Amino acid sequence: MKVFGIGLNKTGTSTLAACLRELGFRHTSCDLELTREVHRGNMAPVYDRADRYESFEDWPWPLVYKEMDERYDGAKFVLTRRSSPEVWFSSLKRHALRTG
């Protein structure tokens, strides 16, 4: 079974990842190089990564959920989100200020 977290970052993706690992899924998280490959139109490395793991969250997975749904029969998708766009943006901004 494949489980894809397709929420944007700062919507509980780290918590989702911890839960998926706790449930025993082979998990992979954010990979900005894979995201760059998606933008280049190169899905081969994305498919390679998806073939090797069972659960996913953060980038690039929100960008490729349709392709993952077509490729993996029975895949599950978890959409994490904040209570409003303003709350999400505030969290994103705080995170950027802490890590930037």
Protein backbone atom coordinates (compact mmCIF):
# COMPACT_ATOMS: atom_id res chain seq x y z
CA MET A 1 0.00 0.00 0.00
CA LYS A 2 1.13 3.55 -0.75
CA VAL A 3 0.07 6.49 1.42
CA PHE A 4 0.78 9.99 0.12
CA GLY A 5 0.57 13.07 2.32
CA ILE A 6 -0.41 15.77 -0.12
CA GLY A 7 -0.79 18.77 2.17
CA LEU A 8 1.51 21.74 1.80
CA ASN A 9 4.37 22.17 4.23
CA LYS A 10 3.42 23.65 7.62
CA THR A 11 0.09 21.80 7.63
CA GLY A 12 1.06 18.97 9.97
CA THR A 13 3.28 17.06 7.57
CA SER A 14 5.92 16.29 10.22
CA THR A 15 3.26 14.85 12.50
CA LEU A 16 1.86 12.82 9.63
CA ALA A 17 5.35 11.48 8.89
CA ALA A 18 5.83 10.46 12.53
CA CYS A 19 2.48 8.64 12.50
CA LEU A 20 3.25 6.80 9.27
CA ARG A 21 6.64 5.69 10.60
CA GLU A 22 5.05 4.58 13.86
CA LEU A 23 2.58 2.48 11.85
CA GLY A 24 5.55 0.76 10.22
CA PHE A 25 5.55 2.30 6.75
CA ARG A 26 8.85 2.71 4.91
CA HIS A 27 8.72 6.48 4.72
CA THR A 28 10.43 9.29 2.83
CA SER A 29 10.00 13.00 3.28
CA CYS A 30 10.72 16.28 1.54
CA ASP A 31 13.21 16.18 -1.31
CA LEU A 32 13.81 19.46 -3.08
CA GLU A 33 15.84 17.82 -5.85
CA LEU A 34 12.85 15.63 -6.71
CA THR A 35 10.74 18.78 -6.74
CA ARG A 36 13.18 20.34 -9.22
CA GLU A 37 12.90 17.23 -11.40
CA VAL A 38 9.10 17.57 -11.42
CA HIS A 39 9.47 21.18 -12.58
CA ARG A 40 11.83 19.99 -15.33
CA GLY A 41 9.19 17.49 -16.43
CA ASN A 42 11.35 14.51 -15.43
CA MET A 43 9.18 12.07 -13.50
CA ALA A 44 11.60 9.11 -13.68
CA PRO A 45 13.39 9.86 -10.37
CA VAL A 46 10.03 10.55 -8.70
CA TYR A 47 8.68 7.17 -9.80
CA ASP A 48 11.92 5.52 -8.70
CA ARG A 49 11.56 6.99 -5.22
CA ALA A 50 7.88 6.13 -5.02
CA ASP A 51 8.62 2.53 -6.01
CA ARG A 52 11.05 2.17 -3.08
CA TYR A 53 8.87 3.56 -0.28
CA GLU A 54 5.37 3.08 1.08
CA SER A 55 4.57 6.50 2.52
CA PHE A 56 5.40 10.07 1.60
CA GLU A 57 4.77 13.67 2.65
CA ASP A 58 5.90 17.19 1.84
CA TRP A 59 7.47 18.19 -1.50
CA PRO A 60 7.12 17.01 -4.27
CA TRP A 61 4.13 14.82 -3.41
CA PRO A 62 1.44 17.55 -3.40
CA LEU A 63 2.50 18.36 -6.96
CA VAL A 64 2.25 14.82 -8.33
CA TYR A 65 -0.73 13.23 -6.58
CA LYS A 66 -2.60 12.68 -9.86
CA GLU A 67 0.35 10.81 -11.37
CA MET A 68 0.71 8.74 -8.19
CA ASP A 69 -3.00 7.89 -8.24
CA GLU A 70 -2.69 6.68 -11.84
CA ARG A 71 0.46 4.68 -11.16
CA TYR A 72 -0.44 2.97 -7.87
CA ASP A 73 -3.80 1.21 -7.68
CA GLY A 74 -5.38 1.60 -4.26
CA ALA A 75 -3.05 4.39 -3.15
CA LYS A 76 -4.35 6.50 -0.27
CA PHE A 77 -4.01 10.27 -0.04
CA VAL A 78 -4.03 12.33 3.14
CA LEU A 79 -4.68 16.05 2.74
CA THR A 80 -3.41 17.95 5.77
CA ARG A 81 -4.36 21.59 6.08
CA ARG A 82 -4.58 24.51 8.47
CA SER A 83 -7.83 26.05 9.64
CA SER A 84 -7.49 28.94 7.19
CA PRO A 85 -5.08 30.29 4.58
CA GLU A 86 -4.14 33.09 6.98
CA VAL A 87 -3.20 30.64 9.75
CA TRP A 88 -1.16 28.59 7.27
CA PHE A 89 0.68 31.65 5.93
CA SER A 90 1.45 32.86 9.46
CA SER A 91 2.96 29.47 10.31
CA LEU A 92 4.94 29.44 7.08
CA LYS A 93 6.26 32.93 7.78
CA ARG A 94 7.29 32.05 11.36
CA HIS A 95 9.09 28.95 10.08
CA ALA A 96 10.94 30.97 7.41
CA LEU A 97 12.05 33.54 9.99
CA ARG A 98 13.33 30.79 12.31
CA THR A 99 15.20 28.86 9.63
CA GLY A 100 16.21 31.61 7.21
